[in-house]
């Protein structure tokens, strides 16, 4: 797909169209600052903000661990334990594999491409729907070309047609939260491995969701060169770091490159990493999915099944559906689509901002800059978060009310701009990136 349902062309590097309000990553950052301003206002008024993003990006220190908040001391005392626990999560073999930690999952993907992908080569991406923009940016940074595929037969043909692809960049659980069938997962890896093509796995959530919810193998139980996952999601405790595992020699080169580029994780964060890995369990992931499904059911009851896109582990409001619902409630939904005041992605952003402003619900839309999807995702919500919101029915009511409020302003581009960019709405625009 290269266009949304409204006929808007997708912007380069992201799977959605950009509009005039949020036309660039700089605008996305302005949107984030506007969200921070709303949170500050809520805090000043004594109103709670509930993190319903499904992500854990906090840092805590246990009593007695204060001395470990030191790069040298933490590295010396915790590196071996971190390796052991990281290999356990990945299903790795200590004789063959190693792990490292980067300051973001995106950084791990970047350094993996830098080390594994030959300059000038062609890299093939394979996923259920599309590879994350961070994968495409990593391949571009490695000065290689990228072809994204979703069909196993097309992948087999592409590998056969190319004398020697630089790498296969595989995504088990896509940004859309569709997951590869295990047979396709194994077939894709075997096809590449059989031809000596290195496989890099963007296993952001798949490293845990695949084994816990679908019975998949752990990432390094497959013959892959590199596995990359995030420590801020799906059963882990944070902080926002990238855990990278793979063949010892590849990880050694990646570690060296990461230090050269300044994208390695600070060792003073290792105490939290070790705790996160130590207390991880597949049961936690399944519990998060079960809780999310109660929210899914409540939102479906409120909005209708035709307006809620459901995957095995998430519920989503597609951006086009959000815009259509808002326009319907505005009473001007018969206007030509070309005259709509914003693109679907901006409608999603506005809905997320209203949920935060009016209900104190912080969604995952604000977690990615730029977001990897235009949908509003409801995913991996914990029972504690749901209780803080007031339960599944209250969550659904907040979504419904926010769509109604969006309908009141959807025809007013100035109001949308002020909502999405706050104080920066009055700042003169610069050329889009």
Foldseek 3Di string as FASTA:
>chain_A
DQADPLRAGPDPLADYHFWPLQQALVSLVLLLVLLVVLVVVCVVVVHAFFEQAQWAADADADPPCPVLLDQVNLCVPCQVLLFVLLCVLQVHDPVWKTKFKWAALLLVLLLLLLQQFAAAFEEEEEFQPWAFSSNVVSVVSNNYHYHYDHDLVVLLVVLVVDPAGSAYEYEQQHPVRAGDDQVSVQSNLCSCVVNVHAYEYACAPVQQCCCLPPVHHRNNVGQHAKYKYFQTHQQFNDNRMIMMMGGPVSVVSSVVVCVVVVGGDRSSRSVRSSVRSVRGDSVLNVQLQVQQVQLVVLLCVVPNPVQWDDDSRWIKGALVSLLLLLQVLLVNSVDRSVLFLGTSLLSLSQLQLQCCNPQSYHHSCSVDSPDNHSIGIRGSGHPVSQVVSPHSNSVSVSSVVSSNVCSNCRRPNLVSSCSSSPPCSPPDDDDHD
